[in-house]
Amino acid sequence: MIKPGDRVTASVSGGPDSVGMVHILNSFRYETDFKLGLCHVHHGLRGKEADEDADFVIDLAKRLSIPVTIKKIDPAEYDSRSKQSLQEFARELRYAFFLT
């Protein structure tokens, strides 16, 4: 699926699944010759834990020499009168970020 010269951006939460995916992609990026980047969306919903997840992803990217983009979403933008939950609102913002 990934061809030489492709650009791949991996969304990393900081959990074991996404970190494992990063290590797998990283192990293939030199033999397949593609560019790998990471992105992380910091929702700010879990306070210090969310900060630690973002810091972990930044550190992982540094250790692997992979560029990383962190997008911080302000939960205060959420309108509790809307028909969607805060989690749905955050998901929509996350998907919008992935498309940019």
PDB file of N, CA and C in Angstrom:
ATOM      1  N   MET A   1       0.803  -1.187   0.000  1.00  0.00           N
ATOM      2  CA  MET A   1       0.000   0.000   0.000  1.00  0.00           C
ATOM      3  C   MET A   1       0.853   1.262   0.000  1.00  0.00           C
ATOM      4  N   ILE A   2       1.938   1.244   0.729  1.00  0.00           N
ATOM      5  CA  ILE A   2       2.805   2.415   0.791  1.00  0.00           C
ATOM      6  C   ILE A   2       3.913   2.241  -0.232  1.00  0.00           C
ATOM      7  N   LYS A   3       4.056   3.271  -1.063  1.00  0.00           N
ATOM      8  CA  LYS A   3       5.055   3.217  -2.126  1.00  0.00           C
ATOM      9  C   LYS A   3       6.209   4.179  -1.843  1.00  0.00           C
ATOM     10  N   PRO A   4       7.362   3.938  -2.430  1.00  0.00           N
ATOM     11  CA  PRO A   4       8.475   4.866  -2.244  1.00  0.00           C
ATOM     12  C   PRO A   4       8.043   6.289  -2.602  1.00  0.00           C
ATOM     13  N   GLY A   5       8.451   7.232  -1.748  1.00  0.00           N
ATOM     14  CA  GLY A   5       8.127   8.632  -1.972  1.00  0.00           C
ATOM     15  C   GLY A   5       6.816   9.081  -1.348  1.00  0.00           C
ATOM     16  N   ASP A   6       5.978   8.134  -0.898  1.00  0.00           N
ATOM     17  CA  ASP A   6       4.710   8.499  -0.261  1.00  0.00           C
ATOM     18  C   ASP A   6       4.968   9.250   1.045  1.00  0.00           C
ATOM     19  N   ARG A   7       3.955  10.018   1.450  1.00  0.00           N
ATOM     20  CA  ARG A   7       3.960  10.674   2.762  1.00  0.00           C
ATOM     21  C   ARG A   7       2.858  10.030   3.589  1.00  0.00           C
ATOM     22  N   VAL A   8       3.213   9.570   4.760  1.00  0.00           N
ATOM     23  CA  VAL A   8       2.267   8.911   5.657  1.00  0.00           C
ATOM     24  C   VAL A   8       2.247   9.676   6.970  1.00  0.00           C
ATOM     25  N   THR A   9       1.049  10.049   7.404  1.00  0.00           N
ATOM     26  CA  THR A   9       0.895  10.689   8.706  1.00  0.00           C
ATOM     27  C   THR A   9       0.124   9.744   9.608  1.00  0.00           C
ATOM     28  N   ALA A  10       0.717   9.405  10.724  1.00  0.00           N
ATOM     29  CA  ALA A  10       0.093   8.500  11.679  1.00  0.00           C
ATOM     30  C   ALA A  10      -0.446   9.308  12.851  1.00  0.00           C
ATOM     31  N   SER A  11      -1.711   9.087  13.160  1.00  0.00           N
ATOM     32  CA  SER A  11      -2.331   9.724  14.315  1.00  0.00           C
ATOM     33  C   SER A  11      -1.998   8.891  15.551  1.00  0.00           C
ATOM     34  N   VAL A  12      -1.400   9.545  16.544  1.00  0.00           N
ATOM     35  CA  VAL A  12      -0.903   8.830  17.720  1.00  0.00           C
ATOM     36  C   VAL A  12      -1.567   9.378  18.978  1.00  0.00           C
ATOM     37  N   SER A  13      -2.262   8.495  19.676  1.00  0.00           N
ATOM     38  CA  SER A  13      -2.915   8.903  20.926  1.00  0.00           C
ATOM     39  C   SER A  13      -1.954   8.853  22.103  1.00  0.00           C
ATOM     40  N   GLY A  14      -0.954   7.998  21.985  1.00  0.00           N
ATOM     41  CA  GLY A  14      -0.042   7.742  23.093  1.00  0.00           C
ATOM     42  C   GLY A  14      -0.313   6.403  23.739  1.00  0.00           C
ATOM     43  N   GLY A  15      -1.406   5.745  23.326  1.00  0.00           N
ATOM     44  CA  GLY A  15      -1.733   4.422  23.836  1.00  0.00           C
ATOM     45  C   GLY A  15      -0.924   3.343  23.127  1.00  0.00           C
ATOM     46  N   PRO A  16      -0.989   2.108  23.636  1.00  0.00           N
ATOM     47  CA  PRO A  16      -0.152   1.029  23.101  1.00  0.00           C
ATOM     48  C   PRO A  16      -0.428   0.701  21.633  1.00  0.00           C
ATOM     49  N   ASP A  17      -1.680   0.786  21.182  1.00  0.00           N
ATOM     50  CA  ASP A  17      -1.977   0.442  19.787  1.00  0.00           C
ATOM     51  C   ASP A  17      -1.315   1.419  18.819  1.00  0.00           C
ATOM     52  N   SER A  18      -1.512   2.719  19.069  1.00  0.00           N
ATOM     53  CA  SER A  18      -0.956   3.695  18.131  1.00  0.00           C
ATOM     54  C   SER A  18       0.567   3.760  18.230  1.00  0.00           C
ATOM     55  N   VAL A  19       1.118   3.572  19.423  1.00  0.00           N
ATOM     56  CA  VAL A  19       2.576   3.567  19.562  1.00  0.00           C
ATOM     57  C   VAL A  19       3.165   2.347  18.853  1.00  0.00           C
ATOM     58  N   GLY A  20       2.512   1.205  18.972  1.00  0.00           N
ATOM     59  CA  GLY A  20       2.962   0.014  18.242  1.00  0.00           C
ATOM     60  C   GLY A  20       2.926   0.248  16.742  1.00  0.00           C
ATOM     61  N   MET A  21       1.869   0.900  16.259  1.00  0.00           N
ATOM     62  CA  MET A  21       1.763   1.212  14.832  1.00  0.00           C
ATOM     63  C   MET A  21       2.931   2.096  14.393  1.00  0.00           C
ATOM     64  N   VAL A  22       3.278   3.074  15.206  1.00  0.00           N
ATOM     65  CA  VAL A  22       4.396   3.962  14.868  1.00  0.00           C
ATOM     66  C   VAL A  22       5.684   3.158  14.738  1.00  0.00           C
ATOM     67  N   HIS A  23       5.932   2.259  15.665  1.00  0.00           N
ATOM     68  CA  HIS A  23       7.163   1.468  15.603  1.00  0.00           C
ATOM     69  C   HIS A  23       7.186   0.577  14.364  1.00  0.00           C
ATOM     70  N   ILE A  24       6.056   0.017  14.004  1.00  0.00           N
ATOM     71  CA  ILE A  24       5.993  -0.808  12.786  1.00  0.00           C
ATOM     72  C   ILE A  24       6.246   0.053  11.554  1.00  0.00           C
ATOM     73  N   LEU A  25       5.558   1.190  11.446  1.00  0.00           N
ATOM     74  CA  LEU A  25       5.777   2.084  10.301  1.00  0.00           C
ATOM     75  C   LEU A  25       7.220   2.563  10.253  1.00  0.00           C
ATOM     76  N   ASN A  26       7.773   2.892  11.408  1.00  0.00           N
ATOM     77  CA  ASN A  26       9.153   3.362  11.453  1.00  0.00           C
ATOM     78  C   ASN A  26      10.128   2.290  10.965  1.00  0.00           C
ATOM     79  N   SER A  27       9.851   1.035  11.304  1.00  0.00           N
ATOM     80  CA  SER A  27      10.763  -0.040  10.878  1.00  0.00           C
ATOM     81  C   SER A  27      10.732  -0.252   9.365  1.00  0.00           C
ATOM     82  N   PHE A  28       9.638   0.141   8.726  1.00  0.00           N
ATOM     83  CA  PHE A  28       9.524  -0.033   7.275  1.00  0.00           C
ATOM     84  C   PHE A  28       9.887   1.217   6.489  1.00  0.00           C
ATOM     85  N   ARG A  29       9.995   2.364   7.130  1.00  0.00           N
ATOM     86  CA  ARG A  29      10.131   3.602   6.356  1.00  0.00           C
ATOM     87  C   ARG A  29      11.444   3.702   5.592  1.00  0.00           C
ATOM     88  N   TYR A  30      12.495   3.081   6.074  1.00  0.00           N
ATOM     89  CA  TYR A  30      13.770   3.171   5.360  1.00  0.00           C
ATOM     90  C   TYR A  30      13.831   2.194   4.198  1.00  0.00           C
ATOM     91  N   GLU A  31      13.326   1.001   4.397  1.00  0.00           N
ATOM     92  CA  GLU A  31      13.380   0.033   3.284  1.00  0.00           C
ATOM     93  C   GLU A  31      12.369   0.355   2.192  1.00  0.00           C
ATOM     94  N   THR A  32      11.283   1.038   2.535  1.00  0.00           N
ATOM     95  CA  THR A  32      10.278   1.409   1.540  1.00  0.00           C
ATOM     96  C   THR A  32      10.490   2.839   1.050  1.00  0.00           C
ATOM     97  N   ASP A  33      11.293   3.615   1.771  1.00  0.00           N
ATOM     98  CA  ASP A  33      11.629   4.989   1.412  1.00  0.00           C
ATOM     99  C   ASP A  33      10.396   5.882   1.307  1.00  0.00           C
ATOM    100  N   PHE A  34       9.650   5.960   2.411  1.00  0.00           N
ATOM    101  CA  PHE A  34       8.533   6.900   2.477  1.00  0.00           C
ATOM    102  C   PHE A  34       8.763   7.851   3.642  1.00  0.00           C
ATOM    103  N   LYS A  35       8.081   8.967   3.606  1.00  0.00           N
ATOM    104  CA  LYS A  35       8.206   9.970   4.661  1.00  0.00           C
ATOM    105  C   LYS A  35       7.114   9.743   5.700  1.00  0.00           C
ATOM    106  N   LEU A  36       7.514   9.689   6.945  1.00  0.00           N
ATOM    107  CA  LEU A  36       6.585   9.432   8.037  1.00  0.00           C
ATOM    108  C   LEU A  36       6.497  10.658   8.938  1.00  0.00           C
ATOM    109  N   GLY A  37       5.282  11.030   9.287  1.00  0.00           N
ATOM    110  CA  GLY A  37       5.037  12.108  10.230  1.00  0.00           C
ATOM    111  C   GLY A  37       4.003  11.645  11.240  1.00  0.00           C
ATOM    112  N   LEU A  38       3.997  12.276  12.390  1.00  0.00           N
ATOM    113  CA  LEU A  38       3.033  11.944  13.432  1.00  0.00           C
ATOM    114  C   LEU A  38       2.154  13.153  13.719  1.00  0.00           C
ATOM    115  N   CYS A  39       0.940  12.882  14.152  1.00  0.00           N
ATOM    116  CA  CYS A  39       0.082  13.952  14.644  1.00  0.00           C
ATOM    117  C   CYS A  39      -0.639  13.458  15.888  1.00  0.00           C
ATOM    118  N   HIS A  40      -0.949  14.410  16.746  1.00  0.00           N
ATOM    119  CA  HIS A  40      -1.626  14.103  18.001  1.00  0.00           C
ATOM    120  C   HIS A  40      -2.609  15.220  18.290  1.00  0.00           C
ATOM    121  N   VAL A  41      -3.814  14.851  18.654  1.00  0.00           N
ATOM    122  CA  VAL A  41      -4.822  15.835  19.033  1.00  0.00           C
ATOM    123  C   VAL A  41      -4.965  15.826  20.549  1.00  0.00           C
ATOM    124  N   HIS A  42      -4.694  16.965  21.143  1.00  0.00           N
ATOM    125  CA  HIS A  42      -4.778  17.137  22.589  1.00  0.00           C
ATOM    126  C   HIS A  42      -6.138  17.765  22.881  1.00  0.00           C
ATOM    127  N   HIS A  43      -7.065  16.956  23.370  1.00  0.00           N
ATOM    128  CA  HIS A  43      -8.422  17.424  23.624  1.00  0.00           C
ATOM    129  C   HIS A  43      -8.548  18.241  24.899  1.00  0.00           C
ATOM    130  N   GLY A  44      -7.621  18.075  25.802  1.00  0.00           N
ATOM    131  CA  GLY A  44      -7.685  18.795  27.057  1.00  0.00           C
ATOM    132  C   GLY A  44      -8.796  18.312  27.972  1.00  0.00           C
ATOM    133  N   LEU A  45      -9.335  17.140  27.697  1.00  0.00           N
ATOM    134  CA  LEU A  45     -10.466  16.644  28.481  1.00  0.00           C
ATOM    135  C   LEU A  45     -10.038  15.901  29.744  1.00  0.00           C
ATOM    136  N   ARG A  46      -8.776  15.467  29.781  1.00  0.00           N
ATOM    137  CA  ARG A  46      -8.338  14.661  30.926  1.00  0.00           C
ATOM    138  C   ARG A  46      -7.242  15.352  31.723  1.00  0.00           C
ATOM    139  N   GLY A  47      -7.194  16.676  31.645  1.00  0.00           N
ATOM    140  CA  GLY A  47      -6.248  17.440  32.451  1.00  0.00           C
ATOM    141  C   GLY A  47      -4.804  17.022  32.266  1.00  0.00           C
ATOM    142  N   LYS A  48      -4.147  16.718  33.394  1.00  0.00           N
ATOM    143  CA  LYS A  48      -2.722  16.388  33.379  1.00  0.00           C
ATOM    144  C   LYS A  48      -2.422  15.147  32.536  1.00  0.00           C
ATOM    145  N   GLU A  49      -3.323  14.170  32.543  1.00  0.00           N
ATOM    146  CA  GLU A  49      -3.118  12.961  31.725  1.00  0.00           C
ATOM    147  C   GLU A  49      -3.020  13.317  30.244  1.00  0.00           C
ATOM    148  N   ALA A  50      -3.860  14.230  29.797  1.00  0.00           N
ATOM    149  CA  ALA A  50      -3.826  14.643  28.387  1.00  0.00           C
ATOM    150  C   ALA A  50      -2.509  15.349  28.073  1.00  0.00           C
ATOM    151  N   ASP A  51      -2.033  16.177  29.001  1.00  0.00           N
ATOM    152  CA  ASP A  51      -0.735  16.836  28.831  1.00  0.00           C
ATOM    153  C   ASP A  51       0.381  15.802  28.727  1.00  0.00           C
ATOM    154  N   GLU A  52       0.318  14.778  29.589  1.00  0.00           N
ATOM    155  CA  GLU A  52       1.339  13.725  29.577  1.00  0.00           C
ATOM    156  C   GLU A  52       1.312  12.932  28.273  1.00  0.00           C
ATOM    157  N   ASP A  53       0.123  12.677  27.733  1.00  0.00           N
ATOM    158  CA  ASP A  53       0.018  11.975  26.439  1.00  0.00           C
ATOM    159  C   ASP A  53       0.694  12.789  25.341  1.00  0.00           C
ATOM    160  N   ALA A  54       0.412  14.080  25.297  1.00  0.00           N
ATOM    161  CA  ALA A  54       1.030  14.941  24.283  1.00  0.00           C
ATOM    162  C   ALA A  54       2.546  14.964  24.443  1.00  0.00           C
ATOM    163  N   ASP A  55       3.017  15.097  25.664  1.00  0.00           N
ATOM    164  CA  ASP A  55       4.463  15.097  25.921  1.00  0.00           C
ATOM    165  C   ASP A  55       5.097  13.771  25.493  1.00  0.00           C
ATOM    166  N   PHE A  56       4.400  12.675  25.761  1.00  0.00           N
ATOM    167  CA  PHE A  56       4.904  11.356  25.372  1.00  0.00           C
ATOM    168  C   PHE A  56       5.052  11.257  23.854  1.00  0.00           C
ATOM    169  N   VAL A  57       4.038  11.727  23.128  1.00  0.00           N
ATOM    170  CA  VAL A  57       4.080  11.659  21.654  1.00  0.00           C
ATOM    171  C   VAL A  57       5.209  12.533  21.116  1.00  0.00           C
ATOM    172  N   ILE A  58       5.394  13.713  21.696  1.00  0.00           N
ATOM    173  CA  ILE A  58       6.496  14.586  21.277  1.00  0.00           C
ATOM    174  C   ILE A  58       7.840  13.896  21.522  1.00  0.00           C
ATOM    175  N   ASP A  59       7.999  13.274  22.686  1.00  0.00           N
ATOM    176  CA  ASP A  59       9.242  12.574  23.012  1.00  0.00           C
ATOM    177  C   ASP A  59       9.470  11.385  22.077  1.00  0.00           C
ATOM    178  N   LEU A  60       8.408  10.636  21.791  1.00  0.00           N
ATOM    179  CA  LEU A  60       8.512   9.499  20.866  1.00  0.00           C
ATOM    180  C   LEU A  60       8.989   9.973  19.497  1.00  0.00           C
ATOM    181  N   ALA A  61       8.399  11.044  19.006  1.00  0.00           N
ATOM    182  CA  ALA A  61       8.791  11.581  17.703  1.00  0.00           C
ATOM    183  C   ALA A  61      10.258  12.011  17.701  1.00  0.00           C
ATOM    184  N   LYS A  62      10.693  12.656  18.767  1.00  0.00           N
ATOM    185  CA  LYS A  62      12.097  13.077  18.864  1.00  0.00           C
ATOM    186  C   LYS A  62      13.031  11.881  18.855  1.00  0.00           C
ATOM    187  N   ARG A  63      12.683  10.867  19.659  1.00  0.00           N
ATOM    188  CA  ARG A  63      13.551   9.675  19.742  1.00  0.00           C
ATOM    189  C   ARG A  63      13.674   8.972  18.403  1.00  0.00           C
ATOM    190  N   LEU A  64      12.605   9.003  17.597  1.00  0.00           N
ATOM    191  CA  LEU A  64      12.610   8.312  16.311  1.00  0.00           C
ATOM    192  C   LEU A  64      12.930   9.240  15.139  1.00  0.00           C
ATOM    193  N   SER A  65      13.219  10.502  15.440  1.00  0.00           N
ATOM    194  CA  SER A  65      13.511  11.515  14.400  1.00  0.00           C
ATOM    195  C   SER A  65      12.391  11.601  13.365  1.00  0.00           C
ATOM    196  N   ILE A  66      11.173  11.718  13.871  1.00  0.00           N
ATOM    197  CA  ILE A  66       9.986  11.831  13.023  1.00  0.00           C
ATOM    198  C   ILE A  66       9.326  13.170  13.341  1.00  0.00           C
ATOM    199  N   PRO A  67       8.975  13.956  12.312  1.00  0.00           N
ATOM    200  CA  PRO A  67       8.279  15.214  12.599  1.00  0.00           C
ATOM    201  C   PRO A  67       6.910  14.951  13.216  1.00  0.00           C
ATOM    202  N   VAL A  68       6.483  15.868  14.100  1.00  0.00           N
ATOM    203  CA  VAL A  68       5.204  15.695  14.785  1.00  0.00           C
ATOM    204  C   VAL A  68       4.463  17.025  14.811  1.00  0.00           C
ATOM    205  N   THR A  69       3.154  16.939  14.695  1.00  0.00           N
ATOM    206  CA  THR A  69       2.273  18.099  14.822  1.00  0.00           C
ATOM    207  C   THR A  69       1.293  17.809  15.946  1.00  0.00           C
ATOM    208  N   ILE A  70       1.196  18.746  16.877  1.00  0.00           N
ATOM    209  CA  ILE A  70       0.254  18.621  17.992  1.00  0.00           C
ATOM    210  C   ILE A  70      -0.827  19.676  17.797  1.00  0.00           C
ATOM    211  N   LYS A  71      -2.060  19.264  17.853  1.00  0.00           N
ATOM    212  CA  LYS A  71      -3.203  20.186  17.749  1.00  0.00           C
ATOM    213  C   LYS A  71      -3.928  20.169  19.078  1.00  0.00           C
ATOM    214  N   LYS A  72      -4.008  21.334  19.719  1.00  0.00           N
ATOM    215  CA  LYS A  72      -4.718  21.431  20.994  1.00  0.00           C
ATOM    216  C   LYS A  72      -6.118  21.969  20.723  1.00  0.00           C
ATOM    217  N   ILE A  73      -7.101  21.255  21.221  1.00  0.00           N
ATOM    218  CA  ILE A  73      -8.501  21.639  21.065  1.00  0.00           C
ATOM    219  C   ILE A  73      -8.997  22.157  22.405  1.00  0.00           C
ATOM    220  N   ASP A  74      -9.673  23.275  22.361  1.00  0.00           N
ATOM    221  CA  ASP A  74     -10.203  23.869  23.583  1.00  0.00           C
ATOM    222  C   ASP A  74     -11.618  23.362  23.824  1.00  0.00           C
ATOM    223  N   PRO A  75     -11.821  22.535  24.845  1.00  0.00           N
ATOM    224  CA  PRO A  75     -13.163  22.016  25.118  1.00  0.00           C
ATOM    225  C   PRO A  75     -14.158  23.121  25.467  1.00  0.00           C
ATOM    226  N   ALA A  76     -13.647  24.308  25.807  1.00  0.00           N
ATOM    227  CA  ALA A  76     -14.542  25.417  26.132  1.00  0.00           C
ATOM    228  C   ALA A  76     -15.339  25.882  24.910  1.00  0.00           C
ATOM    229  N   GLU A  77     -14.883  25.493  23.720  1.00  0.00           N
ATOM    230  CA  GLU A  77     -15.612  25.847  22.500  1.00  0.00           C
ATOM    231  C   GLU A  77     -16.915  25.058  22.376  1.00  0.00           C
ATOM    232  N   TYR A  78     -17.033  24.016  23.152  1.00  0.00           N
ATOM    233  CA  TYR A  78     -18.213  23.147  23.082  1.00  0.00           C
ATOM    234  C   TYR A  78     -19.448  23.874  23.619  1.00  0.00           C
ATOM    235  N   ASP A  79     -20.514  23.773  22.870  1.00  0.00           N
ATOM    236  CA  ASP A  79     -21.796  24.362  23.281  1.00  0.00           C
ATOM    237  C   ASP A  79     -22.675  23.251  23.841  1.00  0.00           C
ATOM    238  N   SER A  80     -22.882  23.242  25.123  1.00  0.00           N
ATOM    239  CA  SER A  80     -23.636  22.167  25.771  1.00  0.00           C
ATOM    240  C   SER A  80     -25.100  22.132  25.319  1.00  0.00           C
ATOM    241  N   ARG A  81     -25.555  23.171  24.643  1.00  0.00           N
ATOM    242  CA  ARG A  81     -26.936  23.181  24.145  1.00  0.00           C
ATOM    243  C   ARG A  81     -27.074  22.431  22.814  1.00  0.00           C
ATOM    244  N   SER A  82     -25.947  22.042  22.237  1.00  0.00           N
ATOM    245  CA  SER A  82     -26.015  21.334  20.955  1.00  0.00           C
ATOM    246  C   SER A  82     -26.539  19.919  21.162  1.00  0.00           C
ATOM    247  N   LYS A  83     -26.879  19.291  20.060  1.00  0.00           N
ATOM    248  CA  LYS A  83     -27.429  17.926  20.123  1.00  0.00           C
ATOM    249  C   LYS A  83     -26.334  16.870  20.227  1.00  0.00           C
ATOM    250  N   GLN A  84     -25.087  17.266  20.078  1.00  0.00           N
ATOM    251  CA  GLN A  84     -24.001  16.291  20.138  1.00  0.00           C
ATOM    252  C   GLN A  84     -23.324  16.331  21.506  1.00  0.00           C
ATOM    253  N   SER A  85     -22.726  15.210  21.864  1.00  0.00           N
ATOM    254  CA  SER A  85     -22.000  15.132  23.130  1.00  0.00           C
ATOM    255  C   SER A  85     -20.640  15.818  22.974  1.00  0.00           C
ATOM    256  N   LEU A  86     -20.001  16.065  24.089  1.00  0.00           N
ATOM    257  CA  LEU A  86     -18.668  16.654  24.071  1.00  0.00           C
ATOM    258  C   LEU A  86     -17.698  15.748  23.313  1.00  0.00           C
ATOM    259  N   GLN A  87     -17.833  14.427  23.486  1.00  0.00           N
ATOM    260  CA  GLN A  87     -16.962  13.481  22.791  1.00  0.00           C
ATOM    261  C   GLN A  87     -17.183  13.538  21.277  1.00  0.00           C
ATOM    262  N   GLU A  88     -18.428  13.671  20.844  1.00  0.00           N
ATOM    263  CA  GLU A  88     -18.713  13.785  19.409  1.00  0.00           C
ATOM    264  C   GLU A  88     -18.127  15.082  18.848  1.00  0.00           C
ATOM    265  N   PHE A  89     -18.267  16.154  19.605  1.00  0.00           N
ATOM    266  CA  PHE A  89     -17.707  17.438  19.208  1.00  0.00           C
ATOM    267  C   PHE A  89     -16.185  17.316  19.043  1.00  0.00           C
ATOM    268  N   ALA A  90     -15.517  16.708  20.021  1.00  0.00           N
ATOM    269  CA  ALA A  90     -14.070  16.533  19.959  1.00  0.00           C
ATOM    270  C   ALA A  90     -13.670  15.654  18.781  1.00  0.00           C
ATOM    271  N   ARG A  91     -14.451  14.612  18.508  1.00  0.00           N
ATOM    272  CA  ARG A  91     -14.174  13.727  17.375  1.00  0.00           C
ATOM    273  C   ARG A  91     -14.262  14.498  16.057  1.00  0.00           C
ATOM    274  N   GLU A  92     -15.276  15.332  15.904  1.00  0.00           N
ATOM    275  CA  GLU A  92     -15.413  16.124  14.686  1.00  0.00           C
ATOM    276  C   GLU A  92     -14.228  17.069  14.494  1.00  0.00           C
ATOM    277  N   LEU A  93     -13.789  17.705  15.565  1.00  0.00           N
ATOM    278  CA  LEU A  93     -12.623  18.584  15.475  1.00  0.00           C
ATOM    279  C   LEU A  93     -11.368  17.791  15.119  1.00  0.00           C
ATOM    280  N   ARG A  94     -11.251  16.603  15.687  1.00  0.00           N
ATOM    281  CA  ARG A  94     -10.100  15.753  15.386  1.00  0.00           C
ATOM    282  C   ARG A  94     -10.096  15.361  13.908  1.00  0.00           C
ATOM    283  N   TYR A  95     -11.227  14.925  13.383  1.00  0.00           N
ATOM    284  CA  TYR A  95     -11.303  14.548  11.971  1.00  0.00           C
ATOM    285  C   TYR A  95     -11.024  15.725  11.055  1.00  0.00           C
ATOM    286  N   ALA A  96     -11.510  16.899  11.429  1.00  0.00           N
ATOM    287  CA  ALA A  96     -11.244  18.098  10.634  1.00  0.00           C
ATOM    288  C   ALA A  96      -9.749  18.389  10.595  1.00  0.00           C
ATOM    289  N   PHE A  97      -9.073  18.200  11.722  1.00  0.00           N
ATOM    290  CA  PHE A  97      -7.630  18.389  11.787  1.00  0.00           C
ATOM    291  C   PHE A  97      -6.919  17.403  10.868  1.00  0.00           C
ATOM    292  N   PHE A  98      -7.365  16.160  10.844  1.00  0.00           N
ATOM    293  CA  PHE A  98      -6.722  15.146  10.008  1.00  0.00           C
ATOM    294  C   PHE A  98      -6.835  15.488   8.522  1.00  0.00           C
ATOM    295  N   LEU A  99      -7.861  16.183   8.145  1.00  0.00           N
ATOM    296  CA  LEU A  99      -8.071  16.529   6.732  1.00  0.00           C
ATOM    297  C   LEU A  99      -7.267  17.740   6.289  1.00  0.00           C
ATOM    298  N   THR A 100      -6.636  18.449   7.252  1.00  0.00           N
ATOM    299  CA  THR A 100      -5.859  19.627   6.873  1.00  0.00           C
ATOM    300  C   THR A 100      -4.435  19.279   6.566  1.00  0.00           C
TER     301      THR A 100
END
